[in-house]
């Protein structure tokens, strides 16, 4: 009996230590990319405020051939949250209390209950103020969590990346970039580079090409689509005679701008097609000016996965685009600090 009592005592001690480590945030966050745990009162979730939150988090991902939500939501009431979802990687807490809050505010916190976890807290005096806030700040919550997931993925490429592709890009183009480690198939052309995982399911490809910078009209959607099509027609022929990759202009092609490493970066997002074939899928490009060499550097990811959803594939490639470093940026980190605004 004493032996069993001793074993039981040891198990209790180990359980307490494990619980303590968990509470200190030593365990790694659970869940998959683009999953989010939401917790609030059931009355809030079932009302207009909950509907507004769901509309934000389940908004369509742009540039996909079919509708896919930005996030998969897992909901638990405030009473059940701690035992079910407290260790999920993305957490949204919604507090509604007119005695504690006078306006809506968002609070951001890292590693609250687990490592690599982000908790966003939305505080509001009443549910109507949440509805008004999300109407004024459209998709703000999904944008924040998307940026967080992009940062996580880009940071992971610093540890696990394709060394062959990195070395080839450095030698041929004098740029540094980390791409997914399973992208091992490569081909080079004049001012052009292609790599792929060549997977039968969920195929992901990336290309990089350059051309001289002439004037500011380069950074327009119309010019960049035309340039993209001319480059792809030469460098990415299809299986059948006279088939080649091109931009699918019958669907919206979105051109926006962001700031990468403190400098302008064009973002082209839409669908590609194979002229003379039935292949197609989503793509996203980053277009940057290499001031040292007075050239435009375009880095792009595109996906071919007709049998499944494409959100996570294209977002994985998009995260890799942020690791590109041009001449003069080699001493900077591969992944910029995450600034949530």
Protein backbone atom coordinates (compact mmCIF):
# COMPACT_ATOMS: atom_id res chain seq x y z
CA UNK A 1 0.00 0.00 0.00
CA UNK A 2 2.84 2.37 0.83
CA UNK A 3 4.33 1.72 -2.61
CA UNK A 4 1.06 2.66 -4.33
CA UNK A 5 0.67 5.67 -2.07
CA UNK A 6 4.18 6.82 -3.03
CA UNK A 7 3.46 6.41 -6.75
CA UNK A 8 0.19 8.28 -6.37
CA UNK A 9 1.98 11.11 -4.56
CA UNK A 10 4.59 11.35 -7.34
CA UNK A 11 1.85 11.51 -9.96
CA UNK A 12 0.12 14.28 -8.04
CA UNK A 13 3.38 16.24 -7.82
CA UNK A 14 4.03 15.79 -11.57
CA UNK A 15 0.49 16.92 -12.34
CA UNK A 16 0.92 20.03 -10.18
CA UNK A 17 4.27 20.83 -11.83
CA UNK A 18 2.81 20.35 -15.30
CA UNK A 19 -0.10 22.60 -14.40
CA UNK A 20 2.27 25.22 -13.04
CA UNK A 21 4.34 25.14 -16.23
CA UNK A 22 1.19 25.49 -18.28
CA UNK A 23 0.01 28.42 -16.23
CA UNK A 24 3.41 30.05 -16.69
CA UNK A 25 3.03 29.74 -20.45
CA UNK A 26 5.66 27.02 -20.94
CA UNK A 27 3.37 24.84 -23.08
CA UNK A 28 3.08 25.58 -26.77
CA UNK A 29 -0.18 27.00 -28.08
CA UNK A 30 -2.57 24.56 -29.71
CA UNK A 31 -4.66 24.84 -32.86
CA UNK A 32 -3.99 25.22 -36.56
CA UNK A 33 -3.14 28.33 -38.58
CA UNK A 34 -6.14 30.58 -39.14
CA UNK A 35 -8.16 29.09 -36.31
CA UNK A 36 -9.37 31.43 -33.60
CA UNK A 37 -11.00 30.90 -30.23
CA UNK A 38 -13.64 33.48 -29.30
CA UNK A 39 -15.11 33.87 -25.85
CA UNK A 40 -17.78 36.16 -24.45
CA UNK A 41 -21.22 35.93 -22.87
CA UNK A 42 -23.65 33.82 -24.85
CA UNK A 43 -26.11 36.72 -25.00
CA UNK A 44 -23.44 38.85 -26.68
CA UNK A 45 -22.48 36.10 -29.14
CA UNK A 46 -26.07 35.42 -30.10
CA UNK A 47 -26.88 39.10 -30.69
CA UNK A 48 -25.90 41.75 -33.24
CA UNK A 49 -22.41 42.16 -31.76
CA UNK A 50 -21.68 38.46 -32.22
CA UNK A 51 -23.00 38.66 -35.76
CA UNK A 52 -20.65 41.57 -36.48
CA UNK A 53 -17.68 39.65 -35.03
CA UNK A 54 -18.48 36.60 -37.16
CA UNK A 55 -18.85 38.76 -40.27
CA UNK A 56 -15.38 40.18 -39.60
CA UNK A 57 -13.61 36.86 -38.89
CA UNK A 58 -15.42 34.92 -41.59
CA UNK A 59 -15.02 37.55 -44.30
CA UNK A 60 -13.90 36.18 -47.64
CA UNK A 61 -10.19 35.84 -48.34
CA UNK A 62 -9.48 38.03 -51.40
CA UNK A 63 -8.04 36.61 -54.61
CA UNK A 64 -9.34 33.04 -54.34
CA UNK A 65 -11.37 31.25 -57.02
CA UNK A 66 -14.00 30.22 -54.47
CA UNK A 67 -15.32 31.67 -51.22
CA UNK A 68 -13.21 30.78 -48.19
CA UNK A 69 -13.47 32.42 -44.73
CA UNK A 70 -10.52 34.28 -43.26
CA UNK A 71 -10.71 32.24 -40.04
CA UNK A 72 -12.33 29.15 -38.56
CA UNK A 73 -14.07 30.17 -35.34
CA UNK A 74 -14.26 28.08 -32.18
CA UNK A 75 -16.62 29.62 -29.62
CA UNK A 76 -16.94 29.05 -25.89
CA UNK A 77 -18.83 31.02 -23.30
CA UNK A 78 -16.87 32.89 -20.67
CA UNK A 79 -17.68 30.15 -18.16
CA UNK A 80 -16.41 27.29 -20.36
CA UNK A 81 -13.50 28.99 -22.06
CA UNK A 82 -10.79 28.19 -19.50
CA UNK A 83 -11.24 24.44 -19.71
CA UNK A 84 -11.70 24.23 -23.48
CA UNK A 85 -9.88 26.86 -25.51
CA UNK A 86 -7.50 28.84 -23.29
CA UNK A 87 -4.39 27.44 -25.01
CA UNK A 88 -5.42 28.05 -28.63
CA UNK A 89 -2.88 30.08 -30.65
CA UNK A 90 -5.33 32.91 -31.51
CA UNK A 91 -7.77 34.11 -28.88
CA UNK A 92 -10.36 36.89 -28.99
CA UNK A 93 -11.94 37.91 -25.69
CA UNK A 94 -14.98 40.19 -25.79
CA UNK A 95 -15.89 42.07 -22.62
CA UNK A 96 -19.07 44.14 -22.43
CA UNK A 97 -19.54 46.21 -19.26
CA UNK A 98 -20.87 49.77 -19.08
CA UNK A 99 -19.41 50.22 -15.58
CA UNK A 100 -15.84 49.42 -16.65
CA UNK A 101 -15.63 50.84 -20.18
CA UNK A 102 -16.79 54.06 -21.80
CA UNK A 103 -15.47 53.43 -25.32
CA UNK A 104 -14.38 50.47 -27.44
CA UNK A 105 -10.71 49.53 -27.23
CA UNK A 106 -8.54 46.65 -28.41
CA UNK A 107 -5.74 45.23 -26.27
CA UNK A 108 -2.98 42.98 -27.61
CA UNK A 109 -1.04 40.44 -25.53
CA UNK A 110 1.55 37.76 -26.31
CA UNK A 111 1.90 34.38 -24.55
CA UNK A 112 -0.84 34.87 -21.98
CA UNK A 113 -1.51 31.17 -21.35
CA UNK A 114 0.86 29.46 -23.80
CA UNK A 115 3.94 30.12 -25.89
CA UNK A 116 3.35 31.52 -29.38
CA UNK A 117 -0.15 32.61 -28.40
CA UNK A 118 -1.74 35.98 -29.15
CA UNK A 119 -4.73 37.21 -27.19
CA UNK A 120 -6.76 40.16 -28.47
CA UNK A 121 -9.24 41.65 -26.02
CA UNK A 122 -12.14 43.77 -27.24
CA UNK A 123 -13.63 45.89 -24.47
CA UNK A 124 -16.87 47.82 -24.92
CA UNK A 125 -19.54 49.54 -22.78
CA UNK A 126 -22.39 47.90 -24.73
CA UNK A 127 -23.05 45.68 -27.74
CA UNK A 128 -24.16 48.51 -30.01
CA UNK A 129 -20.78 50.19 -29.64
CA UNK A 130 -19.14 46.97 -30.91
CA UNK A 131 -21.42 46.95 -33.95
CA UNK A 132 -20.64 50.61 -34.63
CA UNK A 133 -16.90 50.10 -34.14
CA UNK A 134 -16.69 47.16 -36.55
CA UNK A 135 -18.79 49.02 -39.09
CA UNK A 136 -16.33 51.92 -38.94
CA UNK A 137 -13.23 49.69 -38.82
CA UNK A 138 -14.13 47.06 -41.39
CA UNK A 139 -12.33 43.69 -41.04
CA UNK A 140 -9.95 45.16 -38.48
CA UNK A 141 -9.86 42.05 -36.27
CA UNK A 142 -9.33 39.61 -39.13
CA UNK A 143 -6.58 41.85 -40.52
CA UNK A 144 -4.77 41.86 -37.18
CA UNK A 145 -4.89 38.10 -36.77
CA UNK A 146 -3.95 37.55 -40.42
CA UNK A 147 -0.88 39.71 -39.89
CA UNK A 148 -0.03 37.68 -36.79
CA UNK A 149 -0.30 34.39 -38.68
CA UNK A 150 1.79 35.79 -41.55
CA UNK A 151 4.45 36.82 -39.06
CA UNK A 152 4.46 33.37 -37.45
CA UNK A 153 4.90 31.64 -40.80
CA UNK A 154 7.57 34.04 -42.03
CA UNK A 155 9.47 33.62 -38.75
CA UNK A 156 9.32 29.83 -39.11
CA UNK A 157 11.09 30.10 -42.48
CA UNK A 158 14.11 31.52 -40.67
CA UNK A 159 14.54 28.12 -39.03
CA UNK A 160 13.28 25.78 -41.76
CA UNK A 161 13.87 26.92 -45.34
CA UNK A 162 15.18 25.74 -48.67
CA UNK A 163 18.93 26.35 -48.59
CA UNK A 164 19.34 25.48 -52.28
CA UNK A 165 16.85 28.14 -53.35
CA UNK A 166 18.37 30.70 -50.99
CA UNK A 167 21.86 30.11 -52.40
CA UNK A 168 20.65 30.23 -56.01
CA UNK A 169 18.80 33.52 -55.49
CA UNK A 170 21.81 35.07 -53.78
CA UNK A 171 24.19 34.00 -56.54
CA UNK A 172 21.94 34.83 -59.52
CA UNK A 173 20.04 37.92 -58.29
CA UNK A 174 22.02 39.18 -55.28
CA UNK A 175 18.95 38.97 -53.01
CA UNK A 176 18.26 37.00 -49.86
CA UNK A 177 15.05 35.09 -49.31
CA UNK A 178 13.75 32.12 -47.35
CA UNK A 179 11.16 29.89 -49.02
CA UNK A 180 9.44 26.73 -47.70
CA UNK A 181 11.96 23.91 -47.31
CA UNK A 182 9.96 21.49 -49.50
CA UNK A 183 10.35 23.71 -52.57
CA UNK A 184 13.23 21.81 -54.12
CA UNK A 185 12.42 21.83 -57.85
CA UNK A 186 14.04 24.80 -59.61
CA UNK A 187 14.63 26.29 -63.05
CA UNK A 188 16.37 29.47 -64.17
CA UNK A 189 15.98 31.71 -67.19
CA UNK A 190 17.11 35.17 -68.20
CA UNK A 191 16.31 37.43 -65.22
CA UNK A 192 13.91 34.69 -64.08
CA UNK A 193 13.82 31.97 -61.40
CA UNK A 194 11.19 29.31 -60.60
CA UNK A 195 10.85 26.89 -57.70
CA UNK A 196 8.12 24.44 -56.69
CA UNK A 197 7.25 21.66 -54.29
CA UNK A 198 5.81 19.84 -57.34
CA UNK A 199 3.24 18.20 -55.08
CA UNK A 200 0.38 16.13 -56.45
CA UNK A 201 -1.92 17.67 -53.84
CA UNK A 202 -1.55 21.31 -52.87
CA UNK A 203 1.11 22.35 -55.36
CA UNK A 204 2.90 25.58 -54.48
CA UNK A 205 5.20 27.48 -56.85
CA UNK A 206 7.24 30.65 -56.49
CA UNK A 207 8.90 32.80 -59.13
CA UNK A 208 11.25 35.77 -59.05
CA UNK A 209 11.96 38.02 -62.01
CA UNK A 210 13.57 41.40 -62.53
CA UNK A 211 13.45 44.16 -65.12
CA UNK A 212 14.89 47.68 -65.36
CA UNK A 213 13.13 50.50 -63.54
CA UNK A 214 12.19 53.35 -65.88
CA UNK A 215 9.55 55.55 -64.24
CA UNK A 216 6.82 55.70 -61.61
CA UNK A 217 4.24 54.28 -64.03
CA UNK A 218 5.83 50.92 -63.31
CA UNK A 219 3.89 50.79 -60.05
CA UNK A 220 0.43 50.56 -61.55
CA UNK A 221 -1.78 47.53 -61.81
CA UNK A 222 -2.16 47.82 -65.58
CA UNK A 223 1.58 47.95 -66.23
CA UNK A 224 2.43 45.15 -63.81
CA UNK A 225 -0.22 42.80 -65.19
CA UNK A 226 1.08 43.36 -68.73
CA UNK A 227 4.67 42.81 -67.58
CA UNK A 228 3.66 39.69 -65.65
CA UNK A 229 1.94 38.19 -68.69
CA UNK A 230 4.90 38.88 -70.97
CA UNK A 231 7.34 37.25 -68.54
CA UNK A 232 5.16 34.21 -67.83
CA UNK A 233 4.42 33.55 -71.50
CA UNK A 234 8.14 33.14 -72.15
CA UNK A 235 9.15 31.33 -68.97
CA UNK A 236 6.17 29.19 -67.93
CA UNK A 237 4.91 27.25 -70.95
CA UNK A 238 2.21 24.64 -70.45
CA UNK A 239 2.09 20.94 -71.28
CA UNK A 240 0.22 21.39 -74.54
CA UNK A 241 1.56 23.21 -77.64
CA UNK A 242 1.16 27.01 -77.46
CA UNK A 243 -0.11 26.82 -73.85
CA UNK A 244 1.33 29.20 -71.26
CA UNK A 245 0.50 30.89 -67.96
CA UNK A 246 -1.29 34.25 -67.90
CA UNK A 247 -3.31 36.46 -65.60
CA UNK A 248 -7.05 35.69 -65.50
CA UNK A 249 -8.42 39.17 -66.22
CA UNK A 250 -12.06 38.03 -66.25
CA UNK A 251 -11.78 37.94 -62.45
CA UNK A 252 -10.82 40.98 -60.31
CA UNK A 253 -7.08 41.64 -60.11
CA UNK A 254 -6.32 43.76 -57.07
CA UNK A 255 -3.35 46.13 -56.84
CA UNK A 256 -2.55 47.75 -53.50
CA UNK A 257 0.54 49.06 -51.75
CA UNK A 258 2.14 48.27 -48.40
CA UNK A 259 5.37 49.17 -46.64
CA UNK A 260 8.08 46.51 -46.39
CA UNK A 261 11.31 47.32 -44.56
CA UNK A 262 10.26 50.95 -44.52
CA UNK A 263 9.89 51.16 -48.30
CA UNK A 264 7.10 51.03 -50.86
CA UNK A 265 5.97 47.59 -52.00
CA UNK A 266 3.29 46.92 -54.60
CA UNK A 267 0.99 43.93 -54.05
CA UNK A 268 -0.73 42.27 -56.99
CA UNK A 269 -3.36 39.66 -56.14
CA UNK A 270 -5.68 37.65 -58.37
CA UNK A 271 -6.08 34.45 -60.38
CA UNK A 272 -3.81 32.82 -62.95
CA UNK A 273 -4.82 30.57 -65.81
CA UNK A 274 -3.07 28.33 -68.28
CA UNK A 275 -3.94 29.46 -71.80
CA UNK A 276 -4.63 26.37 -73.88
CA UNK A 277 -5.25 24.22 -70.79
CA UNK A 278 -7.71 24.04 -67.90
CA UNK A 279 -5.34 24.77 -65.03
CA UNK A 280 -5.64 27.80 -62.76
CA UNK A 281 -5.54 29.12 -59.23
CA UNK A 282 -4.66 32.11 -57.01
CA UNK A 283 -1.45 34.15 -57.02
CA UNK A 284 0.03 37.01 -55.00
CA UNK A 285 3.04 39.15 -55.96
CA UNK A 286 5.27 41.64 -54.16
CA UNK A 287 6.87 44.26 -56.41
CA UNK A 288 9.80 46.22 -55.01
CA UNK A 289 12.34 48.74 -56.28
CA UNK A 290 15.98 47.71 -55.91
CA UNK A 291 17.54 51.17 -55.72
CA UNK A 292 21.10 49.83 -55.73
CA UNK A 293 20.69 48.25 -59.15
CA UNK A 294 17.87 50.46 -60.48
CA UNK A 295 15.68 47.45 -61.18
CA UNK A 296 12.28 46.09 -60.24
CA UNK A 297 12.26 42.80 -58.31
CA UNK A 298 9.03 40.81 -58.45
CA UNK A 299 8.57 37.82 -56.18
CA UNK A 300 5.39 35.80 -56.52
CA UNK A 301 3.68 32.71 -55.13
CA UNK A 302 0.91 30.80 -56.87
CA UNK A 303 -1.09 27.70 -56.00
CA UNK A 304 -2.60 24.84 -57.97
CA UNK A 305 -4.92 22.81 -55.75
CA UNK A 306 -8.20 22.12 -57.58
CA UNK A 307 -9.15 19.38 -55.14
CA UNK A 308 -9.10 21.42 -51.94
CA UNK A 309 -9.31 24.83 -50.26
CA UNK A 310 -6.46 27.15 -51.08
CA UNK A 311 -6.42 29.74 -48.29
CA UNK A 312 -3.61 28.26 -46.21
CA UNK A 313 -1.47 27.44 -49.25
CA UNK A 314 -1.53 30.94 -50.71
CA UNK A 315 -1.08 32.55 -47.30
CA UNK A 316 1.94 30.37 -46.63
CA UNK A 317 3.53 31.59 -49.85
CA UNK A 318 2.53 35.18 -49.14
CA UNK A 319 4.32 34.98 -45.80
CA UNK A 320 7.49 33.91 -47.60
CA UNK A 321 7.36 37.07 -49.74
CA UNK A 322 8.02 39.15 -46.62
CA UNK A 323 11.40 37.47 -46.12
CA UNK A 324 12.85 39.02 -49.31
CA UNK A 325 15.83 41.27 -48.65
CA UNK A 326 17.29 43.45 -51.38
CA UNK A 327 20.87 44.77 -51.56
CA UNK A 328 21.41 47.14 -48.64
CA UNK A 329 19.01 45.13 -46.45
CA UNK A 330 21.09 42.00 -45.88
CA UNK A 331 21.94 42.93 -42.29
CA UNK A 332 18.29 43.35 -41.38
CA UNK A 333 16.33 40.47 -39.83
CA UNK A 334 14.53 38.20 -42.26
CA UNK A 335 11.28 39.00 -40.49
CA UNK A 336 10.43 42.54 -39.47
CA UNK A 337 9.05 43.26 -35.97
CA UNK A 338 5.32 42.75 -35.69
CA UNK A 339 3.62 46.08 -35.13
CA UNK A 340 -0.11 45.73 -34.52
CA UNK A 341 -2.09 48.86 -35.37
